[in-house]
C-alpha cells in the first residue's frame, strides 16, 4: 500500500430512496448535516438565517464545516 496514490480517491454507497429525498439531502441544512457536514448554515441575502428544513435559494450565503 505504500505506493498507493492518496491524492484522490472515490467512495460509493448504494442509497435506496426516492429522488426527492436525495435532492433534499443536498439542498437543506438538515440533509447536509445528516450526511456530509458538521455545520451547514445558510443566510438569506437580507441577512436572515434560513430554516434548517428549507432549501437553499439563489443569492444565499453559506458556511460549511
N, C-alpha and C. Protein backbone atom coordinates (compact mmCIF):
# COMPACT_ATOMS: atom_id res chain seq x y z
N UNK A 1 0.81 -1.20 0.00
CA UNK A 1 0.00 0.00 0.00
C UNK A 1 0.85 1.26 0.00
N UNK A 2 2.13 1.18 0.24
CA UNK A 2 2.94 2.39 0.30
C UNK A 2 3.03 3.12 -1.04
N UNK A 3 2.77 2.43 -2.15
CA UNK A 3 2.83 3.09 -3.45
C UNK A 3 1.45 3.54 -3.94
N UNK A 4 0.43 3.48 -3.08
CA UNK A 4 -0.91 3.91 -3.47
C UNK A 4 -0.97 5.43 -3.54
N UNK A 5 -1.60 5.95 -4.57
CA UNK A 5 -1.74 7.40 -4.76
C UNK A 5 -2.94 7.91 -3.96
N UNK A 6 -2.68 8.51 -2.79
CA UNK A 6 -3.74 9.02 -1.91
C UNK A 6 -4.16 10.44 -2.25
N UNK A 7 -3.67 11.01 -3.36
CA UNK A 7 -4.06 12.37 -3.71
C UNK A 7 -5.52 12.45 -4.17
N UNK A 8 -6.11 11.31 -4.52
CA UNK A 8 -7.54 11.27 -4.83
C UNK A 8 -8.07 9.86 -4.63
N UNK A 9 -9.33 9.80 -4.29
CA UNK A 9 -9.99 8.52 -4.10
C UNK A 9 -11.48 8.72 -4.29
N UNK A 10 -12.21 7.66 -4.40
CA UNK A 10 -13.66 7.75 -4.50
C UNK A 10 -14.29 6.70 -3.59
N UNK A 11 -15.50 7.00 -3.18
CA UNK A 11 -16.27 6.08 -2.35
C UNK A 11 -17.65 5.95 -2.97
N UNK A 12 -18.23 4.79 -2.86
CA UNK A 12 -19.55 4.57 -3.44
C UNK A 12 -20.43 3.89 -2.41
N UNK A 13 -21.65 4.41 -2.29
CA UNK A 13 -22.63 3.78 -1.42
C UNK A 13 -23.94 3.66 -2.19
N UNK A 14 -24.67 2.61 -1.96
CA UNK A 14 -25.99 2.44 -2.55
C UNK A 14 -27.00 3.10 -1.63
N UNK A 15 -27.85 3.94 -2.21
CA UNK A 15 -28.87 4.65 -1.45
C UNK A 15 -30.22 4.24 -2.02
N UNK A 16 -31.02 3.61 -1.21
CA UNK A 16 -32.35 3.17 -1.65
C UNK A 16 -33.39 4.16 -1.14
N UNK A 17 -33.63 5.18 -1.93
CA UNK A 17 -34.63 6.20 -1.59
C UNK A 17 -35.07 6.91 -2.86
N UNK A 18 -36.02 7.78 -2.74
CA UNK A 18 -36.54 8.50 -3.89
C UNK A 18 -35.68 9.70 -4.26
N UNK A 19 -35.84 10.15 -5.48
CA UNK A 19 -35.09 11.30 -5.99
C UNK A 19 -35.33 12.55 -5.15
N UNK A 20 -36.56 12.75 -4.69
CA UNK A 20 -36.88 13.92 -3.87
C UNK A 20 -36.09 13.91 -2.56
N UNK A 21 -35.96 12.75 -1.94
CA UNK A 21 -35.18 12.65 -0.69
C UNK A 21 -33.71 12.94 -0.93
N UNK A 22 -33.18 12.50 -2.05
CA UNK A 22 -31.77 12.78 -2.38
C UNK A 22 -31.58 14.28 -2.60
N UNK A 23 -32.49 14.90 -3.34
CA UNK A 23 -32.42 16.34 -3.58
C UNK A 23 -32.44 17.11 -2.26
N UNK A 24 -33.31 16.73 -1.36
CA UNK A 24 -33.41 17.38 -0.05
C UNK A 24 -32.11 17.22 0.74
N UNK A 25 -31.49 16.07 0.64
CA UNK A 25 -30.23 15.83 1.35
C UNK A 25 -29.11 16.75 0.86
N UNK A 26 -29.16 17.17 -0.39
CA UNK A 26 -28.12 18.03 -0.95
C UNK A 26 -28.45 19.51 -0.88
N UNK A 27 -29.70 19.87 -0.53
CA UNK A 27 -30.08 21.28 -0.63
C UNK A 27 -30.60 21.89 0.67
N UNK A 28 -30.60 21.16 1.76
CA UNK A 28 -31.05 21.70 3.04
C UNK A 28 -29.99 21.50 4.11
N UNK A 29 -30.05 22.35 5.11
CA UNK A 29 -29.13 22.20 6.24
C UNK A 29 -29.30 20.84 6.90
N UNK A 30 -30.54 20.42 7.13
CA UNK A 30 -30.78 19.12 7.77
C UNK A 30 -30.15 17.98 6.98
N UNK A 31 -30.36 18.00 5.68
CA UNK A 31 -29.82 16.93 4.85
C UNK A 31 -28.30 16.93 4.82
N UNK A 32 -27.70 18.08 4.61
CA UNK A 32 -26.24 18.16 4.54
C UNK A 32 -25.59 17.78 5.86
N UNK A 33 -26.18 18.21 6.97
CA UNK A 33 -25.60 17.88 8.27
C UNK A 33 -25.83 16.42 8.63
N UNK A 34 -26.83 15.81 8.09
CA UNK A 34 -27.07 14.39 8.35
C UNK A 34 -26.08 13.51 7.60
N UNK A 35 -25.76 13.89 6.37
CA UNK A 35 -24.95 13.02 5.52
C UNK A 35 -23.49 13.45 5.36
N UNK A 36 -23.22 14.76 5.33
CA UNK A 36 -21.91 15.18 4.86
C UNK A 36 -21.13 16.11 5.78
N UNK A 37 -21.80 17.07 6.40
CA UNK A 37 -21.10 18.15 7.08
C UNK A 37 -21.48 18.24 8.55
N UNK A 38 -20.57 18.79 9.33
CA UNK A 38 -20.86 19.05 10.74
C UNK A 38 -21.78 20.25 10.88
N UNK A 39 -21.54 21.30 10.06
CA UNK A 39 -22.36 22.52 10.08
C UNK A 39 -22.59 22.95 8.64
N UNK A 40 -23.83 23.29 8.32
CA UNK A 40 -24.19 23.81 7.00
C UNK A 40 -25.22 24.92 7.21
N UNK A 41 -24.73 26.12 7.44
CA UNK A 41 -25.62 27.26 7.70
C UNK A 41 -25.86 28.04 6.42
N UNK A 42 -27.11 28.44 6.20
CA UNK A 42 -27.47 29.25 5.05
C UNK A 42 -28.05 30.57 5.53
N UNK A 43 -27.59 31.67 4.91
CA UNK A 43 -28.04 33.01 5.25
C UNK A 43 -28.68 33.64 4.02
N UNK A 44 -29.86 34.22 4.20
CA UNK A 44 -30.57 34.85 3.09
C UNK A 44 -29.85 36.13 2.67
N UNK A 45 -30.15 36.65 1.48
CA UNK A 45 -29.49 37.89 1.03
C UNK A 45 -29.70 39.07 1.98
N UNK A 46 -30.80 39.11 2.74
CA UNK A 46 -31.01 40.21 3.68
C UNK A 46 -30.44 39.92 5.07
N UNK A 47 -29.70 38.83 5.21
CA UNK A 47 -29.00 38.54 6.46
C UNK A 47 -29.70 37.60 7.43
N UNK A 48 -30.89 37.16 7.11
CA UNK A 48 -31.60 36.23 7.99
C UNK A 48 -31.10 34.80 7.85
N UNK A 49 -31.24 34.03 8.90
CA UNK A 49 -30.86 32.61 8.86
C UNK A 49 -31.98 31.81 8.22
N UNK A 50 -31.63 30.96 7.26
CA UNK A 50 -32.63 30.12 6.62
C UNK A 50 -32.94 28.93 7.52
N UNK A 51 -34.21 28.58 7.65
CA UNK A 51 -34.64 27.44 8.46
C UNK A 51 -33.94 26.17 7.97
N UNK A 52 -33.61 25.28 8.90
CA UNK A 52 -32.82 24.09 8.59
C UNK A 52 -33.49 23.15 7.59
N UNK A 53 -34.81 23.16 7.50
CA UNK A 53 -35.52 22.26 6.59
C UNK A 53 -35.84 22.90 5.25
N UNK A 54 -35.50 24.18 5.08
CA UNK A 54 -35.81 24.91 3.84
C UNK A 54 -34.61 24.84 2.90
N UNK A 55 -34.90 24.63 1.62
CA UNK A 55 -33.84 24.52 0.61
C UNK A 55 -33.10 25.84 0.44
N UNK A 56 -31.82 25.74 0.16
CA UNK A 56 -31.02 26.92 -0.16
C UNK A 56 -31.60 27.59 -1.40
N UNK A 57 -31.50 28.91 -1.45
CA UNK A 57 -32.06 29.68 -2.56
C UNK A 57 -30.95 30.47 -3.24
N UNK A 58 -31.21 30.87 -4.47
CA UNK A 58 -30.27 31.70 -5.21
C UNK A 58 -29.99 32.97 -4.42
N UNK A 59 -28.73 33.34 -4.30
CA UNK A 59 -28.34 34.54 -3.56
C UNK A 59 -27.99 34.28 -2.10
N UNK A 60 -28.32 33.10 -1.58
CA UNK A 60 -27.97 32.76 -0.20
C UNK A 60 -26.45 32.65 -0.05
N UNK A 61 -25.99 32.92 1.14
CA UNK A 61 -24.59 32.69 1.50
C UNK A 61 -24.57 31.45 2.38
N UNK A 62 -23.46 30.80 2.45
CA UNK A 62 -23.38 29.59 3.26
C UNK A 62 -22.09 29.52 4.04
N UNK A 63 -22.13 28.75 5.12
CA UNK A 63 -20.94 28.44 5.93
C UNK A 63 -20.98 26.95 6.19
N UNK A 64 -19.96 26.25 5.74
CA UNK A 64 -19.88 24.80 5.91
C UNK A 64 -18.65 24.45 6.74
N UNK A 65 -18.83 23.55 7.66
CA UNK A 65 -17.70 22.98 8.43
C UNK A 65 -17.80 21.48 8.32
